[in-house]
Amino acid sequence: MAGNEPPVAPRPRGTHPTVREIHKNAWLKRQIPGDKKGTRFLKRVRNSG
């Protein structure tokens, strides 16, 4: 899906994404209908407080 990804702060190649980026991407994935994995992941994170 080139050109459809949400804007993410650029970072050096080979580094791990920050926790903020992971959560942001998980939240955006939840908006996609049919993405059960993303929804399940977000629900688990949200319910854990």
N, C-alpha and C. Protein backbone atom coordinates (compact mmCIF):
# COMPACT_ATOMS: atom_id res chain seq x y z
N MET A 1 0.85 -1.20 0.00
CA MET A 1 0.00 0.00 0.00
C MET A 1 0.88 1.25 0.00
N ALA A 2 1.72 1.37 -0.98
CA ALA A 2 2.62 2.52 -1.02
C ALA A 2 1.83 3.82 -1.12
N GLY A 3 2.21 4.78 -0.29
CA GLY A 3 1.54 6.07 -0.33
C GLY A 3 0.28 6.11 0.53
N ASN A 4 -0.07 4.99 1.15
CA ASN A 4 -1.28 4.96 1.98
C ASN A 4 -0.95 4.89 3.46
N GLU A 5 0.35 4.77 3.79
CA GLU A 5 0.72 4.64 5.20
C GLU A 5 0.53 5.97 5.92
N PRO A 6 0.18 5.92 7.20
CA PRO A 6 0.07 7.16 7.97
C PRO A 6 1.44 7.80 8.16
N PRO A 7 1.52 9.10 8.28
CA PRO A 7 2.81 9.77 8.46
C PRO A 7 3.45 9.37 9.78
N VAL A 8 4.70 8.94 9.72
CA VAL A 8 5.43 8.54 10.92
C VAL A 8 6.75 9.30 10.95
N ALA A 9 7.16 9.70 12.14
CA ALA A 9 8.42 10.45 12.23
C ALA A 9 9.56 9.62 11.66
N PRO A 10 10.38 10.18 10.80
CA PRO A 10 11.49 9.43 10.20
C PRO A 10 12.51 9.04 11.26
N ARG A 11 13.12 7.87 11.08
CA ARG A 11 14.14 7.40 12.02
C ARG A 11 15.19 6.63 11.25
N PRO A 12 16.39 6.49 11.81
CA PRO A 12 17.46 5.78 11.10
C PRO A 12 17.05 4.36 10.77
N ARG A 13 17.52 3.86 9.64
CA ARG A 13 17.18 2.49 9.24
C ARG A 13 17.74 1.48 10.24
N GLY A 14 17.00 0.42 10.47
CA GLY A 14 17.49 -0.66 11.31
C GLY A 14 17.17 -0.46 12.79
N THR A 15 16.55 0.67 13.13
CA THR A 15 16.20 0.88 14.54
C THR A 15 14.76 0.45 14.78
N HIS A 16 14.47 0.13 16.02
CA HIS A 16 13.11 -0.29 16.36
C HIS A 16 12.20 0.92 16.48
N PRO A 17 10.93 0.77 16.12
CA PRO A 17 9.98 1.87 16.30
C PRO A 17 9.76 2.16 17.78
N THR A 18 9.43 3.38 18.10
CA THR A 18 9.20 3.75 19.49
C THR A 18 7.85 3.20 19.94
N VAL A 19 7.66 3.13 21.26
CA VAL A 19 6.39 2.64 21.80
C VAL A 19 5.25 3.51 21.30
N ARG A 20 5.49 4.82 21.24
CA ARG A 20 4.45 5.74 20.77
C ARG A 20 4.04 5.40 19.34
N GLU A 21 5.03 5.11 18.49
CA GLU A 21 4.72 4.77 17.10
C GLU A 21 3.91 3.47 17.03
N ILE A 22 4.31 2.49 17.85
CA ILE A 22 3.61 1.20 17.82
C ILE A 22 2.14 1.41 18.21
N HIS A 23 1.91 2.16 19.29
CA HIS A 23 0.53 2.36 19.74
C HIS A 23 -0.25 3.18 18.72
N LYS A 24 0.42 4.18 18.13
CA LYS A 24 -0.26 5.00 17.12
C LYS A 24 -0.68 4.14 15.93
N ASN A 25 0.23 3.27 15.50
CA ASN A 25 -0.09 2.40 14.36
C ASN A 25 -1.20 1.42 14.73
N ALA A 26 -1.15 0.91 15.95
CA ALA A 26 -2.18 -0.04 16.38
C ALA A 26 -3.55 0.65 16.38
N TRP A 27 -3.57 1.91 16.83
CA TRP A 27 -4.84 2.64 16.87
C TRP A 27 -5.35 2.86 15.45
N LEU A 28 -4.44 3.23 14.53
CA LEU A 28 -4.87 3.48 13.16
C LEU A 28 -5.32 2.18 12.49
N LYS A 29 -4.66 1.07 12.82
CA LYS A 29 -5.05 -0.22 12.25
C LYS A 29 -6.47 -0.57 12.67
N ARG A 30 -6.85 -0.17 13.88
CA ARG A 30 -8.17 -0.51 14.38
C ARG A 30 -9.26 0.11 13.50
N GLN A 31 -8.95 1.22 12.82
CA GLN A 31 -9.95 1.88 11.99
C GLN A 31 -10.25 1.09 10.71
N ILE A 32 -9.39 0.13 10.36
CA ILE A 32 -9.58 -0.63 9.13
C ILE A 32 -10.58 -1.77 9.38
N PRO A 33 -11.74 -1.80 8.71
CA PRO A 33 -12.70 -2.88 8.93
C PRO A 33 -12.13 -4.22 8.50
N GLY A 34 -12.37 -5.25 9.30
CA GLY A 34 -11.89 -6.58 8.97
C GLY A 34 -10.52 -6.87 9.55
N ASP A 35 -9.88 -5.89 10.19
CA ASP A 35 -8.57 -6.14 10.79
C ASP A 35 -8.77 -6.64 12.21
N LYS A 36 -9.12 -7.93 12.32
CA LYS A 36 -9.42 -8.47 13.65
C LYS A 36 -8.19 -8.44 14.55
N LYS A 37 -7.03 -8.70 13.96
CA LYS A 37 -5.82 -8.75 14.78
C LYS A 37 -5.57 -7.38 15.43
N GLY A 38 -5.71 -6.32 14.63
CA GLY A 38 -5.48 -4.98 15.18
C GLY A 38 -6.49 -4.64 16.26
N THR A 39 -7.75 -5.04 16.04
CA THR A 39 -8.78 -4.72 17.03
C THR A 39 -8.52 -5.48 18.32
N ARG A 40 -8.19 -6.76 18.17
CA ARG A 40 -7.95 -7.58 19.36
C ARG A 40 -6.78 -7.02 20.15
N PHE A 41 -5.74 -6.60 19.44
CA PHE A 41 -4.55 -6.07 20.10
C PHE A 41 -4.91 -4.81 20.89
N LEU A 42 -5.68 -3.92 20.26
CA LEU A 42 -6.00 -2.66 20.91
C LEU A 42 -6.90 -2.91 22.12
N LYS A 43 -7.87 -3.82 21.97
CA LYS A 43 -8.77 -4.11 23.08
C LYS A 43 -7.97 -4.60 24.28
N ARG A 44 -7.02 -5.49 24.03
CA ARG A 44 -6.23 -6.05 25.13
C ARG A 44 -5.45 -4.93 25.81
N VAL A 45 -4.86 -4.03 25.03
CA VAL A 45 -4.07 -2.95 25.61
C VAL A 45 -4.97 -2.01 26.41
N ARG A 46 -6.14 -1.67 25.83
CA ARG A 46 -7.03 -0.71 26.49
C ARG A 46 -7.58 -1.30 27.78
N ASN A 47 -7.98 -2.58 27.74
CA ASN A 47 -8.60 -3.18 28.91
C ASN A 47 -7.59 -3.40 30.04
N SER A 48 -6.31 -3.47 29.68
CA SER A 48 -5.30 -3.70 30.71
C SER A 48 -5.06 -2.42 31.52
N GLY A 49 -5.67 -1.32 31.10
CA GLY A 49 -5.55 -0.07 31.84
C GLY A 49 -4.30 0.67 31.47
